Amino acid sequence: MKVKTRGEFRELEVSQILEKRVGPALARDYYIDHSPLPNKDKATTSLTPVAKREPGAGRPTKRDRRRIDKLRGG
């Protein structure tokens, strides 16, 4: 099974199917990761940049949202 996580593709093989949901620590026992090792040369910051707001600035106003949409190409 191929899964995309954090902008990277991983190849996983399910070794056993569970009846109930379990936490991530237990889930690791039920799959085998065949993904290639991550390439350290590739910068993970090259993904879509995220806009930062000042702490306590609150929600963006309608005017701010329109400006943000315009920057995103919308």
N, C-alpha and C. Protein backbone atom coordinates (compact mmCIF):
# COMPACT_ATOMS: atom_id res chain seq x y z
N MET A 1 0.86 -1.15 0.00
CA MET A 1 0.00 0.00 0.00
C MET A 1 0.92 1.22 0.00
N LYS A 2 0.59 2.22 -0.84
CA LYS A 2 1.35 3.47 -0.85
C LYS A 2 0.53 4.53 -0.14
N VAL A 3 1.20 5.28 0.76
CA VAL A 3 0.55 6.30 1.56
C VAL A 3 1.38 7.58 1.46
N LYS A 4 0.69 8.72 1.34
CA LYS A 4 1.40 10.00 1.31
C LYS A 4 1.26 10.65 2.69
N THR A 5 2.39 10.91 3.33
CA THR A 5 2.40 11.57 4.64
C THR A 5 3.42 12.69 4.61
N ARG A 6 3.00 13.88 5.02
CA ARG A 6 3.88 15.04 5.10
C ARG A 6 4.63 15.29 3.80
N GLY A 7 3.95 15.10 2.68
CA GLY A 7 4.55 15.36 1.38
C GLY A 7 5.46 14.26 0.87
N GLU A 8 5.57 13.15 1.58
CA GLU A 8 6.41 12.03 1.15
C GLU A 8 5.56 10.78 1.00
N PHE A 9 5.95 9.93 0.05
CA PHE A 9 5.25 8.67 -0.13
C PHE A 9 5.95 7.58 0.66
N ARG A 10 5.14 6.74 1.30
CA ARG A 10 5.66 5.61 2.06
C ARG A 10 5.02 4.34 1.52
N GLU A 11 5.80 3.26 1.49
CA GLU A 11 5.29 1.95 1.08
C GLU A 11 5.16 1.09 2.33
N LEU A 12 3.93 0.66 2.61
CA LEU A 12 3.67 -0.14 3.80
C LEU A 12 3.06 -1.47 3.42
N GLU A 13 3.43 -2.50 4.16
CA GLU A 13 2.84 -3.82 3.99
C GLU A 13 2.12 -4.17 5.29
N VAL A 14 0.83 -4.47 5.19
CA VAL A 14 0.05 -4.82 6.37
C VAL A 14 0.32 -6.28 6.69
N SER A 15 0.83 -6.55 7.89
CA SER A 15 1.17 -7.92 8.27
C SER A 15 0.02 -8.63 8.97
N GLN A 16 -0.87 -7.87 9.59
CA GLN A 16 -2.01 -8.47 10.25
C GLN A 16 -3.11 -7.43 10.35
N ILE A 17 -4.36 -7.85 10.13
CA ILE A 17 -5.50 -6.94 10.22
C ILE A 17 -6.05 -6.98 11.64
N LEU A 18 -6.32 -5.81 12.18
CA LEU A 18 -6.82 -5.71 13.55
C LEU A 18 -8.34 -5.55 13.53
N GLU A 19 -8.97 -6.01 14.59
CA GLU A 19 -10.42 -5.87 14.72
C GLU A 19 -10.81 -4.50 15.26
N LYS A 20 -9.97 -3.94 16.12
CA LYS A 20 -10.27 -2.66 16.77
C LYS A 20 -9.16 -1.67 16.49
N ARG A 21 -9.46 -0.40 16.72
CA ARG A 21 -8.46 0.64 16.56
C ARG A 21 -7.47 0.56 17.71
N VAL A 22 -6.21 0.82 17.39
CA VAL A 22 -5.17 0.85 18.42
C VAL A 22 -4.33 2.11 18.22
N GLY A 23 -3.53 2.41 19.20
CA GLY A 23 -2.67 3.58 19.14
C GLY A 23 -1.49 3.37 18.20
N PRO A 24 -0.78 4.44 17.88
CA PRO A 24 0.34 4.33 16.94
C PRO A 24 1.46 3.41 17.42
N ALA A 25 1.69 3.36 18.72
CA ALA A 25 2.75 2.50 19.23
C ALA A 25 2.43 1.03 18.96
N LEU A 26 1.20 0.62 19.15
CA LEU A 26 0.81 -0.76 18.89
C LEU A 26 0.64 -1.03 17.41
N ALA A 27 0.21 -0.04 16.65
CA ALA A 27 -0.02 -0.22 15.22
C ALA A 27 1.27 -0.55 14.48
N ARG A 28 2.41 -0.04 14.96
CA ARG A 28 3.70 -0.31 14.30
C ARG A 28 4.03 -1.79 14.27
N ASP A 29 3.46 -2.57 15.18
CA ASP A 29 3.72 -4.01 15.21
C ASP A 29 2.96 -4.75 14.11
N TYR A 30 2.02 -4.09 13.44
CA TYR A 30 1.16 -4.77 12.48
C TYR A 30 1.38 -4.32 11.04
N TYR A 31 2.46 -3.58 10.79
CA TYR A 31 2.81 -3.26 9.40
C TYR A 31 4.33 -3.24 9.25
N ILE A 32 4.76 -3.42 8.01
CA ILE A 32 6.19 -3.39 7.69
C ILE A 32 6.41 -2.23 6.74
N ASP A 33 7.35 -1.38 7.06
CA ASP A 33 7.64 -0.20 6.25
C ASP A 33 8.73 -0.54 5.23
N HIS A 34 8.38 -0.49 3.93
CA HIS A 34 9.31 -0.75 2.84
C HIS A 34 9.73 0.54 2.15
N SER A 35 9.52 1.67 2.78
CA SER A 35 9.83 2.96 2.18
C SER A 35 11.34 3.13 2.05
N PRO A 36 11.78 3.83 0.99
CA PRO A 36 13.20 4.15 0.92
C PRO A 36 13.56 5.16 2.01
N LEU A 37 14.81 5.18 2.38
CA LEU A 37 15.25 6.12 3.41
C LEU A 37 15.02 7.55 2.93
N PRO A 38 14.63 8.45 3.84
CA PRO A 38 14.39 9.83 3.42
C PRO A 38 15.66 10.48 2.91
N ASN A 39 15.49 11.28 1.86
CA ASN A 39 16.62 11.99 1.27
C ASN A 39 16.86 13.27 2.07
N LYS A 40 18.00 13.36 2.73
CA LYS A 40 18.30 14.52 3.58
C LYS A 40 18.62 15.76 2.74
N ASP A 41 18.99 15.57 1.46
CA ASP A 41 19.32 16.71 0.61
C ASP A 41 18.09 17.53 0.27
N LYS A 42 16.96 16.86 0.18
CA LYS A 42 15.72 17.55 -0.19
C LYS A 42 15.21 18.34 1.01
N ALA A 43 15.05 19.62 0.83
CA ALA A 43 14.58 20.47 1.93
C ALA A 43 13.08 20.27 2.11
N THR A 44 12.66 19.98 3.33
CA THR A 44 11.23 19.82 3.59
C THR A 44 10.54 21.17 3.67
N THR A 45 11.32 22.24 3.76
CA THR A 45 10.72 23.57 3.81
C THR A 45 10.29 24.05 2.44
N SER A 46 10.59 23.27 1.38
CA SER A 46 10.19 23.68 0.04
C SER A 46 8.70 23.43 -0.20
N LEU A 47 8.03 22.87 0.77
CA LEU A 47 6.59 22.66 0.65
C LEU A 47 5.89 24.02 0.70
N THR A 48 4.61 24.04 0.52
CA THR A 48 3.85 25.28 0.50
C THR A 48 4.10 26.07 1.79
N PRO A 49 4.52 27.33 1.67
CA PRO A 49 4.77 28.12 2.88
C PRO A 49 3.48 28.40 3.63
N VAL A 50 3.60 28.49 4.92
CA VAL A 50 2.44 28.73 5.78
C VAL A 50 2.54 30.14 6.33
N ALA A 51 1.45 30.87 6.22
CA ALA A 51 1.42 32.24 6.75
C ALA A 51 1.36 32.19 8.27
N LYS A 52 2.10 33.06 8.90
CA LYS A 52 2.13 33.13 10.37
C LYS A 52 1.40 34.39 10.81
N ARG A 53 0.67 34.26 11.91
CA ARG A 53 -0.02 35.41 12.50
C ARG A 53 0.55 35.66 13.87
N GLU A 54 0.51 36.90 14.28
CA GLU A 54 0.98 37.27 15.60
C GLU A 54 0.13 36.58 16.66
N PRO A 55 0.72 36.10 17.75
CA PRO A 55 -0.08 35.52 18.83
C PRO A 55 -1.03 36.57 19.40
N GLY A 56 -2.28 36.20 19.56
CA GLY A 56 -3.27 37.11 20.10
C GLY A 56 -3.88 38.04 19.07
N ALA A 57 -3.55 37.85 17.79
CA ALA A 57 -4.08 38.73 16.74
C ALA A 57 -5.54 38.42 16.43
N GLY A 58 -6.01 37.25 16.84
CA GLY A 58 -7.40 36.90 16.59
C GLY A 58 -7.63 36.43 15.16
N ARG A 59 -8.89 36.31 14.82
CA ARG A 59 -9.25 35.86 13.48
C ARG A 59 -8.98 36.97 12.46
N PRO A 60 -8.64 36.57 11.22
CA PRO A 60 -8.47 37.60 10.19
C PRO A 60 -9.81 38.24 9.84
N THR A 61 -9.77 39.53 9.55
CA THR A 61 -10.99 40.22 9.14
C THR A 61 -11.34 39.82 7.72
N LYS A 62 -12.51 40.23 7.27
CA LYS A 62 -12.93 39.91 5.91
C LYS A 62 -11.93 40.50 4.91
N ARG A 63 -11.46 41.70 5.19
CA ARG A 63 -10.48 42.34 4.32
C ARG A 63 -9.17 41.54 4.29
N ASP A 64 -8.75 41.08 5.48
CA ASP A 64 -7.54 40.25 5.55
C ASP A 64 -7.71 38.96 4.77
N ARG A 65 -8.87 38.31 4.91
CA ARG A 65 -9.12 37.05 4.20
C ARG A 65 -9.08 37.25 2.70
N ARG A 66 -9.63 38.37 2.22
CA ARG A 66 -9.59 38.65 0.78
C ARG A 66 -8.15 38.83 0.31
N ARG A 67 -7.33 39.51 1.10
CA ARG A 67 -5.93 39.69 0.75
C ARG A 67 -5.18 38.35 0.74
N ILE A 68 -5.48 37.50 1.71
CA ILE A 68 -4.85 36.18 1.77
C ILE A 68 -5.25 35.36 0.55
N ASP A 69 -6.54 35.38 0.20
CA ASP A 69 -6.99 34.65 -0.97
C ASP A 69 -6.32 35.16 -2.24
N LYS A 70 -6.13 36.47 -2.32
CA LYS A 70 -5.48 37.07 -3.49
C LYS A 70 -4.03 36.60 -3.58
N LEU A 71 -3.34 36.53 -2.44
CA LEU A 71 -1.95 36.04 -2.44
C LEU A 71 -1.86 34.58 -2.86
N ARG A 72 -2.83 33.79 -2.47
CA ARG A 72 -2.84 32.37 -2.81
C ARG A 72 -3.24 32.12 -4.25
N GLY A 73 -3.67 33.16 -4.93
CA GLY A 73 -4.04 33.00 -6.33
C GLY A 73 -5.51 32.72 -6.53
N GLY A 74 -6.31 32.99 -5.53
CA GLY A 74 -7.73 32.68 -5.59
C GLY A 74 -8.60 33.81 -6.01
